[in-house]
Amino acid sequence: MINFSDQAYLDQDFTSNLDKLQHGLAHLSMSGGTALYDTVVTAADKMERSATHTRKVLIVITDGDDNSSKLAFRWNCSFISRRSLRIDRNSGECGLNFTRS
């Protein structure tokens, strides 16, 4: 579980332990900026290097649009497509389309 505001940081490594996941979710912070695109790259890289299962899902929970990423949106698209990853919510440009509900 990667928490983020102006930057991304690992709150909980991969686990199937529901208690650890619930603990991580209970401590999400919602302050500062939103480095959404940087966090997607961080999470995708972490999954590629460390995940042991063949099926991988990235769930993004955000309180707003990206306003703090240091990496450009186009660079993120390139990163995702080079790794044959798809992060999809309503299938937008390069598979990255985040919409608020």
Protein backbone atom coordinates (compact mmCIF):
# COMPACT_ATOMS: atom_id res chain seq x y z
CA MET A 1 0.00 0.00 0.00
CA ILE A 2 1.55 3.24 -1.16
CA ASN A 3 0.30 6.39 0.51
CA PHE A 4 0.91 9.72 -1.19
CA SER A 5 0.46 13.44 -1.02
CA ASP A 6 3.35 15.52 -2.45
CA GLN A 7 5.37 12.28 -2.69
CA ALA A 8 4.82 8.54 -2.50
CA TYR A 9 5.85 6.32 0.41
CA LEU A 10 5.29 2.66 1.20
CA ASP A 11 2.83 2.12 4.07
CA GLN A 12 2.34 -1.64 3.72
CA ASP A 13 4.26 -4.09 1.53
CA PHE A 14 2.46 -6.83 -0.39
CA THR A 15 0.41 -9.02 1.93
CA SER A 16 -2.61 -11.25 1.98
CA ASN A 17 -3.12 -10.40 5.66
CA LEU A 18 -6.41 -8.49 5.87
CA ASP A 19 -5.56 -7.01 9.27
CA LYS A 20 -2.41 -5.40 7.85
CA LEU A 21 -4.37 -4.06 4.86
CA GLN A 22 -7.08 -2.62 7.12
CA HIS A 23 -4.43 -1.02 9.31
CA GLY A 24 -2.82 0.57 6.25
CA LEU A 25 -6.15 1.88 4.97
CA ALA A 26 -7.00 3.32 8.37
CA HIS A 27 -3.84 5.45 8.29
CA LEU A 28 -4.18 7.06 4.87
CA SER A 29 -3.47 10.75 4.97
CA MET A 30 -5.32 13.37 2.96
CA SER A 31 -3.20 16.48 3.16
CA GLY A 32 -0.83 18.43 0.95
CA GLY A 33 -0.61 18.05 -2.80
CA THR A 34 -1.49 15.09 -4.99
CA ALA A 35 1.45 13.42 -6.78
CA LEU A 36 -0.83 10.96 -8.51
CA TYR A 37 1.24 10.21 -11.63
CA ASP A 38 4.49 9.81 -9.66
CA THR A 39 2.69 7.40 -7.33
CA VAL A 40 1.37 5.31 -10.22
CA VAL A 41 4.92 4.91 -11.53
CA THR A 42 6.21 4.04 -8.04
CA ALA A 43 3.46 1.44 -7.54
CA ALA A 44 3.85 -0.07 -11.02
CA ASP A 45 7.61 -0.34 -10.55
CA LYS A 46 7.14 -1.95 -7.12
CA MET A 47 4.66 -4.48 -8.59
CA GLU A 48 6.98 -5.30 -11.48
CA ARG A 49 9.99 -5.87 -9.19
CA SER A 50 8.33 -7.54 -6.20
CA ALA A 51 4.91 -9.04 -6.88
CA THR A 52 4.92 -12.82 -7.01
CA HIS A 53 1.51 -13.48 -8.58
CA THR A 54 0.99 -13.27 -12.33
CA ARG A 55 -2.24 -11.28 -12.01
CA LYS A 56 -1.68 -7.83 -10.59
CA VAL A 57 -4.15 -5.07 -9.83
CA LEU A 58 -3.41 -1.48 -8.97
CA ILE A 59 -6.20 0.30 -7.11
CA VAL A 60 -5.83 4.04 -6.84
CA ILE A 61 -7.68 6.01 -4.17
CA THR A 62 -7.22 9.75 -4.46
CA ASP A 63 -8.82 12.89 -3.13
CA GLY A 64 -8.06 14.96 -6.20
CA ASP A 65 -6.35 15.47 -9.53
CA ASP A 66 -2.59 15.41 -9.90
CA ASN A 67 -1.01 18.71 -8.91
CA SER A 68 2.39 17.71 -7.50
CA SER A 69 4.03 15.08 -9.73
CA LYS A 70 7.59 15.72 -10.80
CA LEU A 71 7.34 13.30 -13.73
CA ALA A 72 5.41 14.47 -16.78
CA PHE A 73 2.17 12.76 -17.75
CA ARG A 74 3.68 11.66 -21.11
CA TRP A 75 6.65 10.06 -19.31
CA ASN A 76 4.21 8.10 -17.16
CA CYS A 77 2.37 6.89 -20.28
CA SER A 78 5.67 5.75 -21.77
CA PHE A 79 6.65 3.96 -18.55
CA ILE A 80 3.32 2.11 -18.39
CA SER A 81 3.28 1.08 -22.05
CA ARG A 82 6.92 -0.13 -22.04
CA ARG A 83 6.00 -2.58 -19.29
CA SER A 84 2.78 -3.77 -20.87
CA LEU A 85 0.92 -2.57 -17.81
CA ARG A 86 -2.57 -1.19 -17.93
CA ILE A 87 -4.14 0.91 -15.29
CA ASP A 88 -7.68 1.39 -16.38
CA ARG A 89 -10.62 3.43 -15.23
CA ASN A 90 -12.81 4.25 -18.20
CA SER A 91 -9.88 3.54 -20.53
CA GLY A 92 -8.37 6.93 -21.25
CA GLU A 93 -5.21 8.12 -22.92
CA CYS A 94 -2.47 5.44 -22.61
CA GLY A 95 -4.67 3.56 -20.17
CA LEU A 96 -4.42 6.31 -17.58
CA ASN A 97 -7.69 8.05 -16.94
CA PHE A 98 -8.46 8.83 -13.36
CA THR A 99 -11.94 10.07 -12.61
CA ARG A 100 -13.39 11.08 -9.30
CA SER A 101 -16.58 9.43 -8.15
